[in-house]
PDB file of all heavy atoms in Angstrom:
ATOM      1  N   LEU A   1       0.834  -1.209   0.000  1.00  0.00           N
ATOM      2  CA  LEU A   1       0.000   0.000   0.000  1.00  0.00           C
ATOM      3  C   LEU A   1       0.865   1.254   0.000  1.00  0.00           C
ATOM      4  O   LEU A   1       0.583   2.224  -0.715  1.00  0.00           O
ATOM      5  CB  LEU A   1      -0.936   0.016   1.206  1.00  0.00           C
ATOM      6  CG  LEU A   1      -2.093  -0.949   1.190  1.00  0.00           C
ATOM      7  CD1 LEU A   1      -2.879  -0.854   2.494  1.00  0.00           C
ATOM      8  CD2 LEU A   1      -3.010  -0.690   0.011  1.00  0.00           C
ATOM      9  N   GLN A   2       1.929   1.232   0.803  1.00  0.00           N
ATOM     10  CA  GLN A   2       2.840   2.374   0.857  1.00  0.00           C
ATOM     11  C   GLN A   2       3.522   2.588  -0.489  1.00  0.00           C
ATOM     12  O   GLN A   2       3.607   3.714  -0.983  1.00  0.00           O
ATOM     13  CB  GLN A   2       3.881   2.155   1.954  1.00  0.00           C
ATOM     14  CG  GLN A   2       4.817   3.325   2.133  1.00  0.00           C
ATOM     15  CD  GLN A   2       5.862   3.054   3.195  1.00  0.00           C
ATOM     16  OE1 GLN A   2       6.340   1.929   3.345  1.00  0.00           O
ATOM     17  NE2 GLN A   2       6.221   4.074   3.940  1.00  0.00           N
ATOM     18  N   ARG A   3       4.006   1.522  -1.095  1.00  0.00           N
ATOM     19  CA  ARG A   3       4.647   1.643  -2.407  1.00  0.00           C
ATOM     20  C   ARG A   3       3.669   2.221  -3.426  1.00  0.00           C
ATOM     21  O   ARG A   3       4.004   3.127  -4.187  1.00  0.00           O
ATOM     22  CB  ARG A   3       5.142   0.279  -2.893  1.00  0.00           C
ATOM     23  CG  ARG A   3       6.429  -0.177  -2.284  1.00  0.00           C
ATOM     24  CD  ARG A   3       6.944  -1.438  -2.963  1.00  0.00           C
ATOM     25  NE  ARG A   3       6.201  -2.615  -2.562  1.00  0.00           N
ATOM     26  CZ  ARG A   3       6.532  -3.417  -1.558  1.00  0.00           C
ATOM     27  NH1 ARG A   3       7.599  -3.163  -0.836  1.00  0.00           N
ATOM     28  NH2 ARG A   3       5.800  -4.469  -1.280  1.00  0.00           N
ATOM     29  N   ASP A   4       2.441   1.680  -3.435  1.00  0.00           N
ATOM     30  CA  ASP A   4       1.450   2.161  -4.401  1.00  0.00           C
ATOM     31  C   ASP A   4       1.114   3.630  -4.181  1.00  0.00           C
ATOM     32  O   ASP A   4       0.982   4.396  -5.131  1.00  0.00           O
ATOM     33  CB  ASP A   4       0.173   1.319  -4.332  1.00  0.00           C
ATOM     34  CG  ASP A   4       0.362  -0.079  -4.905  1.00  0.00           C
ATOM     35  OD1 ASP A   4       1.382  -0.310  -5.587  1.00  0.00           O
ATOM     36  OD2 ASP A   4      -0.514  -0.917  -4.675  1.00  0.00           O
ATOM     37  N   ALA A   5       0.988   4.039  -2.928  1.00  0.00           N
ATOM     38  CA  ALA A   5       0.662   5.436  -2.631  1.00  0.00           C
ATOM     39  C   ALA A   5       1.805   6.368  -3.020  1.00  0.00           C
ATOM     40  O   ALA A   5       1.579   7.457  -3.560  1.00  0.00           O
ATOM     41  CB  ALA A   5       0.323   5.595  -1.154  1.00  0.00           C
ATOM     42  N   LEU A   6       3.031   5.955  -2.765  1.00  0.00           N
ATOM     43  CA  LEU A   6       4.180   6.824  -3.031  1.00  0.00           C
ATOM     44  C   LEU A   6       4.615   6.853  -4.487  1.00  0.00           C
ATOM     45  O   LEU A   6       5.167   7.850  -4.950  1.00  0.00           O
ATOM     46  CB  LEU A   6       5.370   6.394  -2.166  1.00  0.00           C
ATOM     47  CG  LEU A   6       5.220   6.629  -0.665  1.00  0.00           C
ATOM     48  CD1 LEU A   6       6.373   5.981   0.079  1.00  0.00           C
ATOM     49  CD2 LEU A   6       5.160   8.117  -0.365  1.00  0.00           C
ATOM     50  N   TRP A   7       4.397   5.764  -5.213  1.00  0.00           N
ATOM     51  CA  TRP A   7       4.951   5.653  -6.548  1.00  0.00           C
ATOM     52  C   TRP A   7       3.925   5.687  -7.667  1.00  0.00           C
ATOM     53  O   TRP A   7       4.275   5.507  -8.833  1.00  0.00           O
ATOM     54  CB  TRP A   7       5.798   4.390  -6.651  1.00  0.00           C
ATOM     55  CG  TRP A   7       7.014   4.489  -5.791  1.00  0.00           C
ATOM     56  CD1 TRP A   7       7.162   4.020  -4.525  1.00  0.00           C
ATOM     57  CD2 TRP A   7       8.243   5.153  -6.109  1.00  0.00           C
ATOM     58  NE1 TRP A   7       8.405   4.329  -4.042  1.00  0.00           N
ATOM     59  CE2 TRP A   7       9.093   5.032  -5.000  1.00  0.00           C
ATOM     60  CE3 TRP A   7       8.696   5.835  -7.233  1.00  0.00           C
ATOM     61  CZ2 TRP A   7      10.371   5.562  -4.967  1.00  0.00           C
ATOM     62  CZ3 TRP A   7       9.981   6.355  -7.206  1.00  0.00           C
ATOM     63  CH2 TRP A   7      10.797   6.216  -6.089  1.00  0.00           C
ATOM     64  N   SER A   8       2.648   5.908  -7.365  1.00  0.00           N
ATOM     65  CA  SER A   8       1.638   6.015  -8.421  1.00  0.00           C
ATOM     66  C   SER A   8       1.575   7.455  -8.906  1.00  0.00           C
ATOM     67  O   SER A   8       1.770   8.388  -8.135  1.00  0.00           O
ATOM     68  CB  SER A   8       0.274   5.557  -7.902  1.00  0.00           C
ATOM     69  OG  SER A   8       0.308   4.160  -7.671  1.00  0.00           O
ATOM     70  N   ASP A   9       1.307   7.617 -10.194  1.00  0.00           N
ATOM     71  CA  ASP A   9       1.339   8.947 -10.810  1.00  0.00           C
ATOM     72  C   ASP A   9       0.113   9.214 -11.664  1.00  0.00           C
ATOM     73  O   ASP A   9      -0.315   8.340 -12.428  1.00  0.00           O
ATOM     74  CB  ASP A   9       2.561   9.068 -11.739  1.00  0.00           C
ATOM     75  CG  ASP A   9       3.868   8.913 -10.998  1.00  0.00           C
ATOM     76  OD1 ASP A   9       4.046   9.582  -9.970  1.00  0.00           O
ATOM     77  OD2 ASP A   9       4.710   8.114 -11.452  1.00  0.00           O
ATOM     78  N   PRO A  10      -0.435  10.435 -11.587  1.00  0.00           N
ATOM     79  CA  PRO A  10      -1.503  10.809 -12.518  1.00  0.00           C
ATOM     80  C   PRO A  10      -0.911  11.075 -13.903  1.00  0.00           C
ATOM     81  O   PRO A  10       0.247  11.462 -14.028  1.00  0.00           O
ATOM     82  CB  PRO A  10      -2.061  12.092 -11.905  1.00  0.00           C
ATOM     83  CG  PRO A  10      -0.929  12.668 -11.126  1.00  0.00           C
ATOM     84  CD  PRO A  10      -0.120  11.497 -10.647  1.00  0.00           C
ATOM     85  N   THR A  11      -1.710  10.813 -14.940  1.00  0.00           N
ATOM     86  CA  THR A  11      -1.287  11.107 -16.318  1.00  0.00           C
ATOM     87  C   THR A  11      -2.449  11.755 -17.055  1.00  0.00           C
ATOM     88  O   THR A  11      -3.565  11.812 -16.546  1.00  0.00           O
ATOM     89  CB  THR A  11      -0.884   9.830 -17.081  1.00  0.00           C
ATOM     90  OG1 THR A  11      -2.042   9.033 -17.282  1.00  0.00           O
ATOM     91  CG2 THR A  11       0.170   9.037 -16.355  1.00  0.00           C
ATOM     92  N   ASP A  12      -2.197  12.209 -18.247  1.00  0.00           N
ATOM     93  CA  ASP A  12      -3.258  12.762 -19.093  1.00  0.00           C
ATOM     94  C   ASP A  12      -3.980  11.670 -19.874  1.00  0.00           C
ATOM     95  O   ASP A  12      -5.048  11.903 -20.420  1.00  0.00           O
ATOM     96  CB  ASP A  12      -2.679  13.789 -20.079  1.00  0.00           C
ATOM     97  CG  ASP A  12      -2.166  15.031 -19.363  1.00  0.00           C
ATOM     98  OD1 ASP A  12      -2.726  15.375 -18.301  1.00  0.00           O
ATOM     99  OD2 ASP A  12      -1.215  15.651 -19.857  1.00  0.00           O
ATOM    100  N   GLU A  13      -3.398  10.471 -19.926  1.00  0.00           N
ATOM    101  CA  GLU A  13      -3.992   9.359 -20.670  1.00  0.00           C
ATOM    102  C   GLU A  13      -5.085   8.688 -19.846  1.00  0.00           C
ATOM    103  O   GLU A  13      -4.977   8.587 -18.628  1.00  0.00           O
ATOM    104  CB  GLU A  13      -2.926   8.330 -21.031  1.00  0.00           C
ATOM    105  CG  GLU A  13      -1.846   8.873 -21.939  1.00  0.00           C
ATOM    106  CD  GLU A  13      -0.780   7.840 -22.220  1.00  0.00           C
ATOM    107  OE1 GLU A  13      -1.122   6.646 -22.366  1.00  0.00           O
ATOM    108  OE2 GLU A  13       0.389   8.224 -22.276  1.00  0.00           O
ATOM    109  N   LEU A  14      -6.129   8.231 -20.525  1.00  0.00           N
ATOM    110  CA  LEU A  14      -7.210   7.532 -19.839  1.00  0.00           C
ATOM    111  C   LEU A  14      -6.772   6.138 -19.419  1.00  0.00           C
ATOM    112  O   LEU A  14      -5.919   5.525 -20.053  1.00  0.00           O
ATOM    113  CB  LEU A  14      -8.436   7.432 -20.743  1.00  0.00           C
ATOM    114  CG  LEU A  14      -9.080   8.749 -21.157  1.00  0.00           C
ATOM    115  CD1 LEU A  14     -10.251   8.491 -22.089  1.00  0.00           C
ATOM    116  CD2 LEU A  14      -9.512   9.565 -19.957  1.00  0.00           C
ATOM    117  N   GLY A  15      -7.348   5.638 -18.337  1.00  0.00           N
ATOM    118  CA  GLY A  15      -7.087   4.280 -17.897  1.00  0.00           C
ATOM    119  C   GLY A  15      -6.096   4.195 -16.759  1.00  0.00           C
ATOM    120  O   GLY A  15      -5.685   5.205 -16.180  1.00  0.00           O
ATOM    121  N   CYS A  16      -5.738   2.958 -16.448  1.00  0.00           N
ATOM    122  CA  CYS A  16      -4.818   2.665 -15.356  1.00  0.00           C
ATOM    123  C   CYS A  16      -3.882   1.558 -15.838  1.00  0.00           C
ATOM    124  O   CYS A  16      -4.335   0.548 -16.367  1.00  0.00           O
ATOM    125  CB  CYS A  16      -5.618   2.213 -14.138  1.00  0.00           C
ATOM    126  SG  CYS A  16      -4.634   1.916 -12.679  1.00  0.00           S
ATOM    127  N   TYR A  17      -2.594   1.751 -15.670  1.00  0.00           N
ATOM    128  CA  TYR A  17      -1.626   0.779 -16.159  1.00  0.00           C
ATOM    129  C   TYR A  17      -0.365   0.831 -15.313  1.00  0.00           C
ATOM    130  O   TYR A  17      -0.194   1.753 -14.502  1.00  0.00           O
ATOM    131  CB  TYR A  17      -1.301   1.024 -17.641  1.00  0.00           C
ATOM    132  CG  TYR A  17      -1.062   2.479 -17.965  1.00  0.00           C
ATOM    133  CD1 TYR A  17       0.210   3.013 -17.914  1.00  0.00           C
ATOM    134  CD2 TYR A  17      -2.121   3.322 -18.319  1.00  0.00           C
ATOM    135  CE1 TYR A  17       0.429   4.343 -18.201  1.00  0.00           C
ATOM    136  CE2 TYR A  17      -1.906   4.653 -18.605  1.00  0.00           C
ATOM    137  CZ  TYR A  17      -0.632   5.160 -18.539  1.00  0.00           C
ATOM    138  OH  TYR A  17      -0.406   6.488 -18.805  1.00  0.00           O
ATOM    139  N   LEU A  18       0.497  -0.151 -15.453  1.00  0.00           N
ATOM    140  CA  LEU A  18       1.730  -0.207 -14.675  1.00  0.00           C
ATOM    141  C   LEU A  18       2.558   1.044 -14.885  1.00  0.00           C
ATOM    142  O   LEU A  18       2.701   1.530 -16.007  1.00  0.00           O
ATOM    143  CB  LEU A  18       2.543  -1.441 -15.053  1.00  0.00           C
ATOM    144  CG  LEU A  18       1.938  -2.786 -14.668  1.00  0.00           C
ATOM    145  CD1 LEU A  18       2.809  -3.919 -15.191  1.00  0.00           C
ATOM    146  CD2 LEU A  18       1.757  -2.891 -13.168  1.00  0.00           C
ATOM    147  N   ASN A  19       3.113   1.542 -13.803  1.00  0.00           N
ATOM    148  CA  ASN A  19       3.954   2.729 -13.862  1.00  0.00           C
ATOM    149  C   ASN A  19       5.308   2.352 -14.460  1.00  0.00           C
ATOM    150  O   ASN A  19       5.927   1.376 -14.024  1.00  0.00           O
ATOM    151  CB  ASN A  19       4.123   3.276 -12.442  1.00  0.00           C
ATOM    152  CG  ASN A  19       4.735   4.647 -12.412  1.00  0.00           C
ATOM    153  OD1 ASN A  19       5.663   4.940 -13.166  1.00  0.00           O
ATOM    154  ND2 ASN A  19       4.237   5.488 -11.542  1.00  0.00           N
ATOM    155  N   PRO A  20       5.789   3.113 -15.424  1.00  0.00           N
ATOM    156  CA  PRO A  20       7.087   2.784 -16.018  1.00  0.00           C
ATOM    157  C   PRO A  20       8.257   2.912 -15.040  1.00  0.00           C
ATOM    158  O   PRO A  20       9.341   2.424 -15.310  1.00  0.00           O
ATOM    159  CB  PRO A  20       7.222   3.772 -17.181  1.00  0.00           C
ATOM    160  CG  PRO A  20       6.227   4.840 -16.935  1.00  0.00           C
ATOM    161  CD  PRO A  20       5.155   4.253 -16.082  1.00  0.00           C
ATOM    162  N   ARG A  21       8.030   3.525 -13.863  1.00  0.00           N
ATOM    163  CA  ARG A  21       9.103   3.644 -12.875  1.00  0.00           C
ATOM    164  C   ARG A  21       9.336   2.334 -12.132  1.00  0.00           C
ATOM    165  O   ARG A  21      10.271   2.223 -11.355  1.00  0.00           O
ATOM    166  CB  ARG A  21       8.785   4.751 -11.866  1.00  0.00           C
ATOM    167  CG  ARG A  21       8.791   6.112 -12.508  1.00  0.00           C
ATOM    168  CD  ARG A  21       8.818   7.220 -11.506  1.00  0.00           C
ATOM    169  NE  ARG A  21       7.605   7.278 -10.697  1.00  0.00           N
ATOM    170  CZ  ARG A  21       7.523   7.931  -9.554  1.00  0.00           C
ATOM    171  NH1 ARG A  21       8.573   8.557  -9.073  1.00  0.00           N
ATOM    172  NH2 ARG A  21       6.407   7.968  -8.884  1.00  0.00           N
ATOM    173  N   GLY A  22       8.457   1.336 -12.333  1.00  0.00           N
ATOM    174  CA  GLY A  22       8.683   0.035 -11.732  1.00  0.00           C
ATOM    175  C   GLY A  22       7.881  -0.264 -10.488  1.00  0.00           C
ATOM    176  O   GLY A  22       7.971  -1.348  -9.942  1.00  0.00           O
ATOM    177  N   ALA A  23       7.117   0.690  -9.997  1.00  0.00           N
ATOM    178  CA  ALA A  23       6.268   0.454  -8.827  1.00  0.00           C
ATOM    179  C   ALA A  23       5.048   1.350  -8.949  1.00  0.00           C
ATOM    180  O   ALA A  23       5.090   2.389  -9.594  1.00  0.00           O
ATOM    181  CB  ALA A  23       7.018   0.757  -7.542  1.00  0.00           C
ATOM    182  N   GLY A  24       3.953   0.939  -8.317  1.00  0.00           N
ATOM    183  CA  GLY A  24       2.737   1.733  -8.402  1.00  0.00           C
ATOM    184  C   GLY A  24       2.111   1.644  -9.780  1.00  0.00           C
ATOM    185  O   GLY A  24       2.449   0.775 -10.583  1.00  0.00           O
ATOM    186  N   VAL A  25       1.187   2.543 -10.055  1.00  0.00           N
ATOM    187  CA  VAL A  25       0.490   2.590 -11.332  1.00  0.00           C
ATOM    188  C   VAL A  25       0.477   4.007 -11.867  1.00  0.00           C
ATOM    189  O   VAL A  25       0.763   4.959 -11.154  1.00  0.00           O
ATOM    190  CB  VAL A  25      -0.971   2.083 -11.200  1.00  0.00           C
ATOM    191  CG1 VAL A  25      -1.009   0.632 -10.787  1.00  0.00           C
ATOM    192  CG2 VAL A  25      -1.780   2.944 -10.251  1.00  0.00           C
ATOM    193  N   SER A  26       0.133   4.143 -13.120  1.00  0.00           N
ATOM    194  CA  SER A  26      -0.175   5.432 -13.720  1.00  0.00           C
ATOM    195  C   SER A  26      -1.674   5.424 -13.966  1.00  0.00           C
ATOM    196  O   SER A  26      -2.218   4.437 -14.447  1.00  0.00           O
ATOM    197  CB  SER A  26       0.575   5.619 -15.043  1.00  0.00           C
ATOM    198  OG  SER A  26       1.970   5.682 -14.813  1.00  0.00           O
ATOM    199  N   PHE A  27      -2.356   6.510 -13.599  1.00  0.00           N
ATOM    200  CA  PHE A  27      -3.807   6.551 -13.742  1.00  0.00           C
ATOM    201  C   PHE A  27      -4.234   7.855 -14.391  1.00  0.00           C
ATOM    202  O   PHE A  27      -3.634   8.899 -14.176  1.00  0.00           O
ATOM    203  CB  PHE A  27      -4.498   6.373 -12.386  1.00  0.00           C
ATOM    204  CG  PHE A  27      -4.093   7.409 -11.361  1.00  0.00           C
ATOM    205  CD1 PHE A  27      -4.823   8.573 -11.209  1.00  0.00           C
ATOM    206  CD2 PHE A  27      -2.988   7.216 -10.560  1.00  0.00           C
ATOM    207  CE1 PHE A  27      -4.458   9.537 -10.281  1.00  0.00           C
ATOM    208  CE2 PHE A  27      -2.604   8.162  -9.630  1.00  0.00           C
ATOM    209  CZ  PHE A  27      -3.336   9.326  -9.488  1.00  0.00           C
TER     210      PHE A  27
END
């Protein structure tokens, strides 16, 4: 949960996918 909270990033693209930084997601 901590990793996901710290390493997830908002993007301009629709959807949710793996974050290219290696942890969390891009949404």
